Each structure stands twice: as structure tokens, then as C-alpha cells.
Amino acid sequence: MAHDSLPPLAGGVAMVNMMLGEVAPGGTGSGLYGLLILSIISVFIGGLMVGRTPEYLGKKIGPTQMKLAALYILVTPLLVLTLAAITVLLPDATSNAPATGPHQFSEVLYAFTSGANNNGSAFGGITTSGPYLSAMMDVAMLIGRFLPIALVLALAGSLARQSKVPASAGTVPTHGPLFGSLLLGVTVILTALSYFPALALGPLAEGLLK
């Protein structure tokens, strides 16, 4: 019940931490490989901006790597937002979330975000023991946790097959505050903003109403 007692905006912050892919410092497992995916995308974007070769750890980032990285970025938001939208459109499906209005939507959104993002926590006000929510949470966990892993392994395999190329004047540096700022911007734009409309209907709307 602790999460359900959070103020609306605090509950939203807890959701955003998961929506970012748990890439905050200290995250392991999915947070680590999520950060590596975002680093690869940042290198690619930085290379396009300044006309340099997109390379990361001595491996060239080409169309195959970017397709796999893009699919990784799209899987979880598409899954979470689609399942949450279907659920709130079905009155019987939301009967296990007794709250009303924006808070009910926040409970549903948090449940699917947690299920798909390798977290497992929940707002205590929602019960996922019903047949519909149990089945949909199973789908969220199965696809949201295993498909990204498969994409990351495919990306790792594509990079492992390449020979390492030495750094040159055209290589984008992947250290220092400049790259860190680029990585932070890519993380926020590609992940957090994907969920912003849903957050506006849930914790942000509830926070403004209160």
C-alpha cells in the first residue's frame, strides 16, 4: 500500500524511474544493458550531428545495430501504453482498481509499467488477481522482459562479429561531460517523453486537481 499512499507527483516520479528503463545509477541487469543501448543511440545521433563516424567501443554502428536499438526502445512503451489503454476502456477490467478518475488510471499505468519494466512493484490499491488483469500482466512481463533481452543479445552478436577498429579523428568521444549530457538528453527524449501523454492523464492530472 505504500506506493498507493504517495502524493500524485511522487507516484509519477516512481513511474518515470521505471519508464526510463531503470538506467539510474545503481541499476543492474536491464538497467545496465538499457544504458548501453542508449549510449549506442547517442553515439549515432552525435555522429550525425557533427559528421563523424558512429563508433562505440571500437565497433562501427551501422543500420543493423540501429534497427535493433530502435526496436528495443519501442517495445516497452508500445506494450505498456497499449495494454493500459485497452484496460481502461473495459469497465470490468478496471473493477480491481477501486479508485476513480486519474488515480485509477495511475494505478493501471503503474501496474503495466512495473510488469513490463522488470520491477514488480505496484500501487496497493489495484488487485491483479482477476482473470483479465492476471493474463494481461503475464503478457506484459513475458514480452516486456524477454523480447528486449533477445534484441540486446542480437545487437551484441552483431557487434561481436565485427573487427575492432582503432579510434581516429572522426570517432565521437564517449567520455566526459559533453557525451554525458548528450546521453542524458537522449534518455529523456526517447524514453520519458514517450510516456508523457499518459503521465499527463494520470499523476500530473491528479496532482493538478489536488
N, C-alpha and C. Protein backbone atom coordinates (compact mmCIF):
# COMPACT_ATOMS: atom_id res chain seq x y z
N MET A 1 0.82 -1.21 0.00
CA MET A 1 0.00 0.00 0.00
C MET A 1 0.86 1.27 0.00
N ALA A 2 2.15 1.13 0.27
CA ALA A 2 2.99 2.32 0.41
C ALA A 2 2.99 3.16 -0.85
N HIS A 3 3.10 2.52 -2.03
CA HIS A 3 3.14 3.28 -3.27
C HIS A 3 1.82 4.00 -3.52
N ASP A 4 0.71 3.39 -3.13
CA ASP A 4 -0.59 3.99 -3.38
C ASP A 4 -0.82 5.21 -2.50
N SER A 5 -0.09 5.31 -1.39
CA SER A 5 -0.24 6.46 -0.49
C SER A 5 0.66 7.62 -0.86
N LEU A 6 1.48 7.45 -1.89
CA LEU A 6 2.34 8.55 -2.32
C LEU A 6 1.51 9.70 -2.87
N PRO A 7 1.96 10.94 -2.70
CA PRO A 7 1.30 12.05 -3.41
C PRO A 7 1.34 11.80 -4.91
N PRO A 8 0.39 12.35 -5.66
CA PRO A 8 0.32 12.05 -7.10
C PRO A 8 1.62 12.26 -7.86
N LEU A 9 2.29 13.39 -7.62
CA LEU A 9 3.52 13.66 -8.36
C LEU A 9 4.65 12.72 -7.94
N ALA A 10 4.68 12.33 -6.67
CA ALA A 10 5.69 11.37 -6.21
C ALA A 10 5.46 10.01 -6.85
N GLY A 11 4.18 9.62 -6.98
CA GLY A 11 3.88 8.39 -7.69
C GLY A 11 4.31 8.46 -9.15
N GLY A 12 4.16 9.65 -9.73
CA GLY A 12 4.61 9.84 -11.10
C GLY A 12 6.11 9.70 -11.24
N VAL A 13 6.85 10.19 -10.25
CA VAL A 13 8.31 10.06 -10.27
C VAL A 13 8.71 8.59 -10.21
N ALA A 14 8.01 7.81 -9.36
CA ALA A 14 8.30 6.37 -9.29
C ALA A 14 8.07 5.70 -10.64
N MET A 15 7.02 6.13 -11.36
CA MET A 15 6.76 5.57 -12.68
C MET A 15 7.85 5.97 -13.67
N VAL A 16 8.24 7.24 -13.64
CA VAL A 16 9.25 7.72 -14.58
C VAL A 16 10.56 6.97 -14.42
N ASN A 17 10.93 6.66 -13.15
CA ASN A 17 12.16 5.91 -12.93
C ASN A 17 12.13 4.56 -13.64
N MET A 18 10.96 3.92 -13.66
CA MET A 18 10.84 2.65 -14.38
C MET A 18 10.75 2.88 -15.88
N MET A 19 10.03 3.92 -16.29
CA MET A 19 9.88 4.20 -17.71
C MET A 19 11.20 4.54 -18.39
N LEU A 20 12.14 5.07 -17.62
CA LEU A 20 13.46 5.36 -18.16
C LEU A 20 14.25 4.09 -18.44
N GLY A 21 13.70 2.94 -18.02
CA GLY A 21 14.41 1.68 -18.21
C GLY A 21 15.30 1.33 -17.05
N GLU A 22 15.05 1.95 -15.89
CA GLU A 22 15.84 1.70 -14.68
C GLU A 22 17.33 1.93 -14.92
N VAL A 23 17.63 3.00 -15.66
CA VAL A 23 19.02 3.30 -16.01
C VAL A 23 19.67 4.23 -14.99
N ALA A 24 18.97 4.55 -13.89
CA ALA A 24 19.55 5.41 -12.86
C ALA A 24 20.78 4.73 -12.27
N PRO A 25 21.74 5.50 -11.76
CA PRO A 25 22.94 4.89 -11.16
C PRO A 25 22.57 3.87 -10.09
N GLY A 26 23.25 2.73 -10.15
CA GLY A 26 22.97 1.65 -9.21
C GLY A 26 22.11 0.55 -9.81
N GLY A 27 21.48 0.82 -10.97
CA GLY A 27 20.66 -0.19 -11.61
C GLY A 27 21.54 -1.29 -12.22
N THR A 28 21.11 -2.52 -12.12
CA THR A 28 21.85 -3.64 -12.71
C THR A 28 20.92 -4.40 -13.63
N GLY A 29 21.47 -5.34 -14.38
CA GLY A 29 20.64 -6.16 -15.25
C GLY A 29 20.08 -5.34 -16.39
N SER A 30 18.76 -5.20 -16.43
CA SER A 30 18.11 -4.48 -17.52
C SER A 30 18.53 -3.01 -17.54
N GLY A 31 18.83 -2.43 -16.38
CA GLY A 31 19.29 -1.04 -16.35
C GLY A 31 20.62 -0.87 -17.04
N LEU A 32 21.51 -1.87 -16.89
CA LEU A 32 22.84 -1.79 -17.49
C LEU A 32 22.76 -1.89 -19.01
N TYR A 33 22.06 -2.91 -19.51
CA TYR A 33 22.02 -3.02 -20.97
C TYR A 33 21.13 -1.95 -21.60
N GLY A 34 20.16 -1.43 -20.85
CA GLY A 34 19.37 -0.30 -21.35
C GLY A 34 20.23 0.93 -21.54
N LEU A 35 21.15 1.15 -20.59
CA LEU A 35 22.05 2.30 -20.69
C LEU A 35 23.01 2.13 -21.86
N LEU A 36 23.45 0.90 -22.11
CA LEU A 36 24.34 0.65 -23.25
C LEU A 36 23.62 0.90 -24.58
N ILE A 37 22.35 0.51 -24.66
CA ILE A 37 21.56 0.79 -25.87
C ILE A 37 21.45 2.29 -26.09
N LEU A 38 21.16 3.02 -25.02
CA LEU A 38 21.05 4.48 -25.14
C LEU A 38 22.39 5.12 -25.50
N SER A 39 23.47 4.53 -25.03
CA SER A 39 24.80 5.04 -25.39
C SER A 39 25.06 4.87 -26.88
N ILE A 40 24.67 3.73 -27.42
CA ILE A 40 24.84 3.48 -28.85
C ILE A 40 24.02 4.47 -29.68
N ILE A 41 22.78 4.70 -29.25
CA ILE A 41 21.93 5.67 -29.96
C ILE A 41 22.52 7.07 -29.86
N SER A 42 23.06 7.41 -28.69
CA SER A 42 23.68 8.73 -28.51
C SER A 42 24.88 8.91 -29.42
N VAL A 43 25.69 7.85 -29.55
CA VAL A 43 26.85 7.90 -30.45
C VAL A 43 26.39 8.12 -31.89
N PHE A 44 25.34 7.43 -32.28
CA PHE A 44 24.83 7.55 -33.65
C PHE A 44 24.31 8.97 -33.91
N ILE A 45 23.52 9.50 -32.96
CA ILE A 45 22.98 10.85 -33.11
C ILE A 45 24.11 11.89 -33.11
N GLY A 46 25.06 11.72 -32.19
CA GLY A 46 26.19 12.65 -32.14
C GLY A 46 27.00 12.62 -33.43
N GLY A 47 27.18 11.42 -33.99
CA GLY A 47 27.90 11.32 -35.25
C GLY A 47 27.17 12.02 -36.38
N LEU A 48 25.85 11.88 -36.42
CA LEU A 48 25.07 12.56 -37.46
C LEU A 48 25.14 14.08 -37.32
N MET A 49 25.18 14.56 -36.09
CA MET A 49 25.16 16.00 -35.84
C MET A 49 26.46 16.68 -36.28
N VAL A 50 27.57 15.98 -36.11
CA VAL A 50 28.86 16.62 -36.39
C VAL A 50 29.58 15.97 -37.57
N GLY A 51 28.94 15.02 -38.24
CA GLY A 51 29.54 14.41 -39.41
C GLY A 51 30.69 13.48 -39.10
N ARG A 52 30.64 12.81 -37.93
CA ARG A 52 31.69 11.87 -37.57
C ARG A 52 31.19 10.43 -37.68
N THR A 53 32.13 9.49 -37.68
CA THR A 53 31.80 8.08 -37.80
C THR A 53 31.16 7.57 -36.51
N PRO A 54 29.96 6.97 -36.59
CA PRO A 54 29.35 6.41 -35.37
C PRO A 54 30.05 5.12 -34.96
N GLU A 55 30.84 5.19 -33.91
CA GLU A 55 31.55 4.03 -33.38
C GLU A 55 31.37 4.00 -31.87
N TYR A 56 31.32 2.79 -31.33
CA TYR A 56 31.22 2.65 -29.87
C TYR A 56 32.08 1.48 -29.44
N LEU A 57 33.04 1.74 -28.56
CA LEU A 57 33.98 0.73 -28.06
C LEU A 57 34.71 0.04 -29.21
N GLY A 58 35.04 0.82 -30.22
CA GLY A 58 35.81 0.28 -31.32
C GLY A 58 35.00 -0.48 -32.35
N LYS A 59 33.69 -0.45 -32.26
CA LYS A 59 32.84 -1.15 -33.21
C LYS A 59 31.95 -0.13 -33.93
N LYS A 60 31.83 -0.30 -35.25
CA LYS A 60 31.03 0.63 -36.04
C LYS A 60 29.54 0.38 -35.80
N ILE A 61 28.80 1.47 -35.70
CA ILE A 61 27.35 1.40 -35.52
C ILE A 61 26.70 1.65 -36.88
N GLY A 62 26.13 0.60 -37.46
CA GLY A 62 25.53 0.69 -38.78
C GLY A 62 24.03 0.49 -38.75
N PRO A 63 23.42 0.28 -39.92
CA PRO A 63 21.96 0.12 -40.00
C PRO A 63 21.43 -1.05 -39.17
N THR A 64 22.13 -2.18 -39.17
CA THR A 64 21.65 -3.34 -38.41
C THR A 64 21.59 -3.03 -36.92
N GLN A 65 22.65 -2.43 -36.40
CA GLN A 65 22.69 -2.10 -34.97
C GLN A 65 21.62 -1.08 -34.60
N MET A 66 21.39 -0.09 -35.46
CA MET A 66 20.40 0.93 -35.15
C MET A 66 18.98 0.38 -35.23
N LYS A 67 18.73 -0.55 -36.14
CA LYS A 67 17.40 -1.17 -36.20
C LYS A 67 17.11 -1.94 -34.93
N LEU A 68 18.08 -2.70 -34.46
CA LEU A 68 17.89 -3.45 -33.22
C LEU A 68 17.72 -2.52 -32.03
N ALA A 69 18.50 -1.44 -31.99
CA ALA A 69 18.38 -0.47 -30.89
C ALA A 69 17.03 0.24 -30.92
N ALA A 70 16.55 0.58 -32.13
CA ALA A 70 15.25 1.25 -32.25
C ALA A 70 14.13 0.33 -31.81
N LEU A 71 14.21 -0.95 -32.19
CA LEU A 71 13.19 -1.91 -31.76
C LEU A 71 13.19 -2.04 -30.24
N TYR A 72 14.37 -2.05 -29.64
CA TYR A 72 14.47 -2.13 -28.18
C TYR A 72 13.76 -0.94 -27.53
N ILE A 73 14.01 0.25 -28.06
CA ILE A 73 13.42 1.46 -27.48
C ILE A 73 11.89 1.45 -27.62
N LEU A 74 11.38 0.87 -28.72
CA LEU A 74 9.94 0.92 -29.00
C LEU A 74 9.13 -0.14 -28.26
N VAL A 75 9.74 -1.27 -27.94
CA VAL A 75 8.99 -2.41 -27.40
C VAL A 75 8.22 -2.05 -26.13
N THR A 76 8.92 -1.56 -25.13
CA THR A 76 8.27 -1.36 -23.83
C THR A 76 7.21 -0.26 -23.84
N PRO A 77 7.48 0.94 -24.39
CA PRO A 77 6.39 1.94 -24.43
C PRO A 77 5.17 1.45 -25.19
N LEU A 78 5.38 0.79 -26.33
CA LEU A 78 4.26 0.29 -27.11
C LEU A 78 3.45 -0.72 -26.31
N LEU A 79 4.13 -1.60 -25.62
CA LEU A 79 3.46 -2.63 -24.83
C LEU A 79 2.70 -2.02 -23.66
N VAL A 80 3.37 -1.17 -22.88
CA VAL A 80 2.75 -0.59 -21.69
C VAL A 80 1.56 0.28 -22.05
N LEU A 81 1.73 1.17 -23.01
CA LEU A 81 0.66 2.12 -23.35
C LEU A 81 -0.51 1.42 -24.00
N THR A 82 -0.25 0.41 -24.83
CA THR A 82 -1.35 -0.31 -25.48
C THR A 82 -2.17 -1.09 -24.47
N LEU A 83 -1.51 -1.83 -23.59
CA LEU A 83 -2.24 -2.64 -22.60
C LEU A 83 -2.98 -1.75 -21.60
N ALA A 84 -2.36 -0.65 -21.19
CA ALA A 84 -3.04 0.26 -20.26
C ALA A 84 -4.26 0.89 -20.92
N ALA A 85 -4.14 1.28 -22.20
CA ALA A 85 -5.27 1.90 -22.91
C ALA A 85 -6.42 0.92 -23.07
N ILE A 86 -6.12 -0.33 -23.43
CA ILE A 86 -7.17 -1.34 -23.58
C ILE A 86 -7.86 -1.59 -22.25
N THR A 87 -7.08 -1.65 -21.18
CA THR A 87 -7.63 -1.96 -19.86
C THR A 87 -8.60 -0.89 -19.38
N VAL A 88 -8.25 0.39 -19.52
CA VAL A 88 -9.13 1.44 -19.00
C VAL A 88 -10.39 1.60 -19.87
N LEU A 89 -10.39 1.03 -21.06
CA LEU A 89 -11.59 1.08 -21.89
C LEU A 89 -12.58 -0.02 -21.54
N LEU A 90 -12.18 -0.97 -20.71
CA LEU A 90 -13.04 -2.09 -20.33
C LEU A 90 -13.47 -1.94 -18.88
N PRO A 91 -14.74 -1.60 -18.63
CA PRO A 91 -15.19 -1.37 -17.24
C PRO A 91 -14.93 -2.56 -16.32
N ASP A 92 -15.16 -3.77 -16.81
CA ASP A 92 -14.95 -4.94 -15.96
C ASP A 92 -13.48 -5.13 -15.61
N ALA A 93 -12.61 -4.72 -16.52
CA ALA A 93 -11.17 -4.90 -16.28
C ALA A 93 -10.66 -3.98 -15.19
N THR A 94 -11.28 -2.82 -15.04
CA THR A 94 -10.83 -1.86 -14.03
C THR A 94 -11.57 -2.01 -12.70
N SER A 95 -12.39 -3.04 -12.58
CA SER A 95 -13.12 -3.24 -11.33
C SER A 95 -12.17 -3.58 -10.19
N ASN A 96 -10.98 -4.10 -10.50
CA ASN A 96 -10.00 -4.41 -9.47
C ASN A 96 -9.20 -3.18 -9.05
N ALA A 97 -9.46 -2.06 -9.70
CA ALA A 97 -8.84 -0.80 -9.30
C ALA A 97 -9.97 0.11 -8.80
N PRO A 98 -10.28 0.05 -7.51
CA PRO A 98 -11.47 0.74 -6.98
C PRO A 98 -11.42 2.26 -7.04
N ALA A 99 -10.25 2.84 -7.22
CA ALA A 99 -10.18 4.30 -7.30
C ALA A 99 -10.87 4.77 -8.57
N THR A 100 -11.09 6.07 -8.66
CA THR A 100 -11.74 6.63 -9.84
C THR A 100 -10.87 7.75 -10.40
N GLY A 101 -11.20 8.14 -11.64
CA GLY A 101 -10.54 9.28 -12.26
C GLY A 101 -9.07 9.03 -12.53
N PRO A 102 -8.27 10.10 -12.46
CA PRO A 102 -6.84 9.99 -12.79
C PRO A 102 -6.09 8.98 -11.92
N HIS A 103 -6.51 8.83 -10.65
CA HIS A 103 -5.78 7.90 -9.79
C HIS A 103 -5.97 6.46 -10.24
N GLN A 104 -7.16 6.14 -10.70
CA GLN A 104 -7.39 4.80 -11.23
C GLN A 104 -6.50 4.53 -12.44
N PHE A 105 -6.40 5.53 -13.32
CA PHE A 105 -5.53 5.38 -14.48
C PHE A 105 -4.08 5.23 -14.05
N SER A 106 -3.68 5.98 -13.01
CA SER A 106 -2.31 5.87 -12.50
C SER A 106 -2.04 4.47 -11.98
N GLU A 107 -3.02 3.87 -11.30
CA GLU A 107 -2.84 2.52 -10.79
C GLU A 107 -2.64 1.53 -11.94
N VAL A 108 -3.46 1.66 -12.97
CA VAL A 108 -3.35 0.75 -14.13
C VAL A 108 -2.03 0.98 -14.86
N LEU A 109 -1.67 2.25 -15.08
CA LEU A 109 -0.43 2.56 -15.78
C LEU A 109 0.78 2.06 -15.01
N TYR A 110 0.77 2.24 -13.69
CA TYR A 110 1.88 1.78 -12.87
C TYR A 110 2.01 0.26 -12.93
N ALA A 111 0.86 -0.44 -12.90
CA ALA A 111 0.89 -1.90 -12.90
C ALA A 111 1.57 -2.43 -14.17
N PHE A 112 1.19 -1.90 -15.33
CA PHE A 112 1.77 -2.39 -16.58
C PHE A 112 3.21 -1.90 -16.76
N THR A 113 3.50 -0.69 -16.28
CA THR A 113 4.88 -0.20 -16.34
C THR A 113 5.80 -1.08 -15.51
N SER A 114 5.34 -1.43 -14.31
CA SER A 114 6.13 -2.28 -13.44
C SER A 114 6.28 -3.69 -14.00
N GLY A 115 5.18 -4.23 -14.55
CA GLY A 115 5.22 -5.57 -15.10
C GLY A 115 6.17 -5.70 -16.28
N ALA A 116 6.18 -4.70 -17.14
CA ALA A 116 6.98 -4.77 -18.36
C ALA A 116 8.41 -4.29 -18.17
N ASN A 117 8.68 -3.55 -17.10
CA ASN A 117 10.00 -2.95 -16.93
C ASN A 117 10.85 -3.64 -15.88
N ASN A 118 10.55 -4.90 -15.60
CA ASN A 118 11.44 -5.69 -14.74
C ASN A 118 11.53 -5.13 -13.33
N ASN A 119 10.38 -4.69 -12.78
CA ASN A 119 10.39 -4.13 -11.43
C ASN A 119 9.56 -4.98 -10.48
N GLY A 120 8.26 -5.10 -10.74
CA GLY A 120 7.43 -5.99 -9.94
C GLY A 120 6.69 -5.33 -8.79
N SER A 121 6.86 -4.02 -8.57
CA SER A 121 6.11 -3.34 -7.52
C SER A 121 4.76 -2.92 -8.07
N ALA A 122 3.91 -2.37 -7.20
CA ALA A 122 2.56 -1.98 -7.63
C ALA A 122 1.96 -0.98 -6.67
N PHE A 123 1.02 -0.20 -7.16
CA PHE A 123 0.18 0.60 -6.28
C PHE A 123 -0.72 -0.37 -5.52
N GLY A 124 -0.78 -0.23 -4.20
CA GLY A 124 -1.53 -1.20 -3.42
C GLY A 124 -3.04 -1.17 -3.64
N GLY A 125 -3.55 -0.12 -4.30
CA GLY A 125 -4.99 -0.02 -4.50
C GLY A 125 -5.53 -0.88 -5.61
N ILE A 126 -4.67 -1.51 -6.41
CA ILE A 126 -5.13 -2.33 -7.52
C ILE A 126 -4.83 -3.80 -7.22
N THR A 127 -5.79 -4.65 -7.56
CA THR A 127 -5.63 -6.08 -7.36
C THR A 127 -5.54 -6.75 -8.72
N THR A 128 -4.46 -7.44 -8.98
CA THR A 128 -4.27 -8.07 -10.29
C THR A 128 -4.60 -9.56 -10.26
N SER A 129 -5.43 -9.99 -9.31
CA SER A 129 -5.75 -11.40 -9.19
C SER A 129 -6.90 -11.84 -10.09
N GLY A 130 -7.60 -10.88 -10.71
CA GLY A 130 -8.69 -11.25 -11.62
C GLY A 130 -8.15 -11.88 -12.89
N PRO A 131 -8.99 -12.61 -13.63
CA PRO A 131 -8.50 -13.31 -14.83
C PRO A 131 -7.96 -12.38 -15.90
N TYR A 132 -8.63 -11.24 -16.12
CA TYR A 132 -8.16 -10.34 -17.18
C TYR A 132 -6.82 -9.73 -16.84
N LEU A 133 -6.74 -9.08 -15.68
CA LEU A 133 -5.50 -8.40 -15.32
C LEU A 133 -4.35 -9.38 -15.13
N SER A 134 -4.66 -10.56 -14.62
CA SER A 134 -3.61 -11.57 -14.47
C SER A 134 -3.04 -11.95 -15.83
N ALA A 135 -3.92 -12.16 -16.80
CA ALA A 135 -3.49 -12.55 -18.14
C ALA A 135 -2.70 -11.42 -18.81
N MET A 136 -3.20 -10.19 -18.69
CA MET A 136 -2.52 -9.06 -19.34
C MET A 136 -1.18 -8.76 -18.68
N MET A 137 -1.10 -8.92 -17.36
CA MET A 137 0.18 -8.72 -16.70
C MET A 137 1.18 -9.80 -17.12
N ASP A 138 0.68 -11.02 -17.33
CA ASP A 138 1.55 -12.09 -17.85
C ASP A 138 2.10 -11.71 -19.22
N VAL A 139 1.24 -11.16 -20.08
CA VAL A 139 1.67 -10.74 -21.41
C VAL A 139 2.72 -9.64 -21.30
N ALA A 140 2.45 -8.67 -20.40
CA ALA A 140 3.39 -7.56 -20.22
C ALA A 140 4.75 -8.05 -19.75
N MET A 141 4.74 -8.99 -18.80
CA MET A 141 6.01 -9.50 -18.28
C MET A 141 6.73 -10.36 -19.30
N LEU A 142 6.00 -11.21 -20.00
CA LEU A 142 6.63 -12.12 -20.96
C LEU A 142 7.28 -11.36 -22.11
N ILE A 143 6.52 -10.44 -22.72
CA ILE A 143 7.05 -9.70 -23.86
C ILE A 143 8.02 -8.60 -23.40
N GLY A 144 7.62 -7.85 -22.36
CA GLY A 144 8.41 -6.70 -21.93
C GLY A 144 9.76 -7.06 -21.34
N ARG A 145 9.90 -8.29 -20.87
CA ARG A 145 11.17 -8.65 -20.25
C ARG A 145 12.05 -9.51 -21.16
N PHE A 146 11.45 -10.37 -21.96
CA PHE A 146 12.24 -11.29 -22.76
C PHE A 146 12.56 -10.77 -24.16
N LEU A 147 11.63 -10.05 -24.79
CA LEU A 147 11.92 -9.54 -26.13
C LEU A 147 13.07 -8.53 -26.12
N PRO A 148 13.11 -7.58 -25.17
CA PRO A 148 14.28 -6.68 -25.14
C PRO A 148 15.60 -7.43 -24.92
N ILE A 149 15.58 -8.48 -24.11
CA ILE A 149 16.79 -9.27 -23.90
C ILE A 149 17.24 -9.90 -25.22
N ALA A 150 16.29 -10.44 -25.98
CA ALA A 150 16.62 -11.05 -27.27
C ALA A 150 17.21 -10.02 -28.22
N LEU A 151 16.66 -8.81 -28.22
CA LEU A 151 17.18 -7.76 -29.10
C LEU A 151 18.59 -7.33 -28.68
N VAL A 152 18.82 -7.25 -27.37
CA VAL A 152 20.15 -6.88 -26.89
C VAL A 152 21.17 -7.95 -27.26
N LEU A 153 20.79 -9.22 -27.13
CA LEU A 153 21.70 -10.30 -27.49
C LEU A 153 22.01 -10.28 -28.99
N ALA A 154 20.97 -10.00 -29.79
CA ALA A 154 21.20 -9.89 -31.24
C ALA A 154 22.14 -8.74 -31.56
N LEU A 155 21.97 -7.61 -30.87
CA LEU A 155 22.85 -6.46 -31.06
C LEU A 155 24.28 -6.79 -30.64
N ALA A 156 24.42 -7.48 -29.49
CA ALA A 156 25.75 -7.86 -29.02
C ALA A 156 26.42 -8.80 -30.02
N GLY A 157 25.64 -9.73 -30.57
CA GLY A 157 26.20 -10.64 -31.56
C GLY A 157 26.67 -9.93 -32.82
N SER A 158 25.88 -8.94 -33.27
CA SER A 158 26.27 -8.20 -34.47
C SER A 158 27.54 -7.40 -34.25
N LEU A 159 27.73 -6.89 -33.03
CA LEU A 159 28.95 -6.15 -32.72
C LEU A 159 30.14 -7.09 -32.53
N ALA A 160 29.89 -8.26 -31.95
CA ALA A 160 30.97 -9.21 -31.70
C ALA A 160 31.56 -9.74 -33.01
N ARG A 161 30.75 -9.80 -34.06
CA ARG A 161 31.24 -10.31 -35.35
C ARG A 161 32.15 -9.31 -36.05
N GLN A 162 32.13 -8.06 -35.61
CA GLN A 162 32.97 -7.05 -36.25
C GLN A 162 34.39 -7.07 -35.70
N SER A 163 35.32 -6.70 -36.53
CA SER A 163 36.69 -6.49 -36.06
C SER A 163 36.78 -5.11 -35.41
N LYS A 164 37.59 -5.01 -34.40
CA LYS A 164 37.73 -3.73 -33.71
C LYS A 164 38.53 -2.76 -34.56
N VAL A 165 38.02 -1.54 -34.67
CA VAL A 165 38.70 -0.52 -35.46
C VAL A 165 39.34 0.49 -34.51
N PRO A 166 40.53 0.95 -34.81
CA PRO A 166 41.18 1.93 -33.92
C PRO A 166 40.48 3.28 -33.98
N ALA A 167 40.52 3.98 -32.86
CA ALA A 167 39.94 5.32 -32.81
C ALA A 167 40.70 6.25 -33.73
N SER A 168 39.95 7.16 -34.35
CA SER A 168 40.57 8.12 -35.26
C SER A 168 40.02 9.51 -34.96
N ALA A 169 40.42 10.48 -35.78
CA ALA A 169 39.94 11.85 -35.58
C ALA A 169 38.45 11.96 -35.83
N GLY A 170 37.88 10.99 -36.54
CA GLY A 170 36.44 11.04 -36.82
C GLY A 170 35.60 10.30 -35.81
N THR A 171 36.21 9.73 -34.78
CA THR A 171 35.47 8.98 -33.76
C THR A 171 34.86 9.92 -32.73
N VAL A 172 33.58 9.73 -32.43
CA VAL A 172 32.92 10.55 -31.41
C VAL A 172 33.40 10.10 -30.03
N PRO A 173 33.97 11.00 -29.21
CA PRO A 173 34.41 10.60 -27.86
C PRO A 173 33.21 10.18 -27.01
N THR A 174 33.37 9.08 -26.29
CA THR A 174 32.27 8.58 -25.46
C THR A 174 32.61 8.71 -23.97
N HIS A 175 33.31 9.76 -23.63
CA HIS A 175 33.62 10.03 -22.23
C HIS A 175 33.56 11.55 -22.02
N GLY A 176 33.47 11.94 -20.79
CA GLY A 176 33.46 13.37 -20.49
C GLY A 176 32.06 13.93 -20.37
N PRO A 177 31.96 15.16 -19.88
CA PRO A 177 30.64 15.77 -19.63
C PRO A 177 29.83 16.01 -20.90
N LEU A 178 30.48 16.25 -22.04
CA LEU A 178 29.74 16.50 -23.27
C LEU A 178 28.93 15.28 -23.69
N PHE A 179 29.57 14.12 -23.71
CA PHE A 179 28.84 12.90 -24.08
C PHE A 179 27.82 12.54 -23.01
N GLY A 180 28.17 12.81 -21.73
CA GLY A 180 27.21 12.55 -20.65
C GLY A 180 25.95 13.38 -20.81
N SER A 181 26.10 14.63 -21.21
CA SER A 181 24.94 15.49 -21.43
C SER A 181 24.11 15.00 -22.62
N LEU A 182 24.80 14.57 -23.68
CA LEU A 182 24.09 14.03 -24.84
C LEU A 182 23.33 12.77 -24.46
N LEU A 183 23.95 11.90 -23.68
CA LEU A 183 23.29 10.67 -23.24
C LEU A 183 22.07 10.97 -22.37
N LEU A 184 22.19 11.94 -21.48
CA LEU A 184 21.06 12.34 -20.64
C LEU A 184 19.91 12.86 -21.50
N GLY A 185 20.23 13.71 -22.48
CA GLY A 185 19.19 14.25 -23.35
C GLY A 185 18.49 13.16 -24.16
N VAL A 186 19.27 12.23 -24.69
CA VAL A 186 18.68 11.12 -25.47
C VAL A 186 17.80 10.26 -24.58
N THR A 187 18.25 10.01 -23.36
CA THR A 187 17.47 9.19 -22.42
C THR A 187 16.11 9.82 -22.14
N VAL A 188 16.10 11.10 -21.87
CA VAL A 188 14.85 11.79 -21.55
C VAL A 188 13.94 11.87 -22.77
N ILE A 189 14.50 12.23 -23.92
CA ILE A 189 13.69 12.42 -25.12
C ILE A 189 13.12 11.12 -25.64
N LEU A 190 13.93 10.07 -25.68
CA LEU A 190 13.49 8.81 -26.28
C LEU A 190 12.64 7.97 -25.36
N THR A 191 12.80 8.11 -24.06
CA THR A 191 12.06 7.25 -23.14
C THR A 191 10.97 8.01 -22.38
N ALA A 192 11.37 8.98 -21.58
CA ALA A 192 10.39 9.66 -20.74
C ALA A 192 9.29 10.34 -21.55
N LEU A 193 9.66 11.01 -22.65
CA LEU A 193 8.65 11.73 -23.43
C LEU A 193 7.70 10.80 -24.16
N SER A 194 8.09 9.53 -24.36
CA SER A 194 7.17 8.57 -24.97
C SER A 194 5.95 8.35 -24.07
N TYR A 195 6.16 8.49 -22.77
CA TYR A 195 5.08 8.24 -21.81
C TYR A 195 4.40 9.52 -21.35
N PHE A 196 4.87 10.67 -21.80
CA PHE A 196 4.37 11.93 -21.23
C PHE A 196 2.85 12.10 -21.36
N PRO A 197 2.24 11.80 -22.53
CA PRO A 197 0.77 11.94 -22.60
C PRO A 197 0.05 11.09 -21.56
N ALA A 198 0.54 9.86 -21.35
CA ALA A 198 -0.10 9.00 -20.34
C ALA A 198 0.12 9.55 -18.94
N LEU A 199 1.32 10.06 -18.66
CA LEU A 199 1.57 10.67 -17.35
C LEU A 199 0.71 11.90 -17.13
N ALA A 200 0.44 12.64 -18.21
CA ALA A 200 -0.41 13.84 -18.10
C ALA A 200 -1.84 13.47 -17.73
N LEU A 201 -2.30 12.30 -18.17
CA LEU A 201 -3.66 11.85 -17.84
C LEU A 201 -3.75 11.21 -16.46
N GLY A 202 -2.61 10.81 -15.91
CA GLY A 202 -2.62 10.13 -14.62
C GLY A 202 -2.09 10.99 -13.49
N PRO A 203 -0.83 10.81 -13.09
CA PRO A 203 -0.31 11.53 -11.91
C PRO A 203 -0.27 13.04 -12.07
N LEU A 204 0.02 13.55 -13.28
CA LEU A 204 0.06 15.00 -13.46
C LEU A 204 -1.33 15.61 -13.30
N ALA A 205 -2.34 14.99 -13.93
CA ALA A 205 -3.70 15.48 -13.81
C ALA A 205 -4.18 15.41 -12.37
N GLU A 206 -3.87 14.31 -11.70
CA GLU A 206 -4.29 14.17 -10.30
C GLU A 206 -3.61 15.20 -9.42
N GLY A 207 -2.31 15.44 -9.68
CA GLY A 207 -1.60 16.43 -8.91
C GLY A 207 -2.16 17.83 -9.10
N LEU A 208 -2.56 18.17 -10.31
CA LEU A 208 -3.13 19.49 -10.58
C LEU A 208 -4.51 19.64 -9.96
N LEU A 209 -5.28 18.54 -9.97
CA LEU A 209 -6.62 18.60 -9.38
C LEU A 209 -6.57 18.79 -7.88
N LYS A 210 -5.51 18.27 -7.27
CA LYS A 210 -5.37 18.44 -5.83
C LYS A 210 -4.67 19.74 -5.52
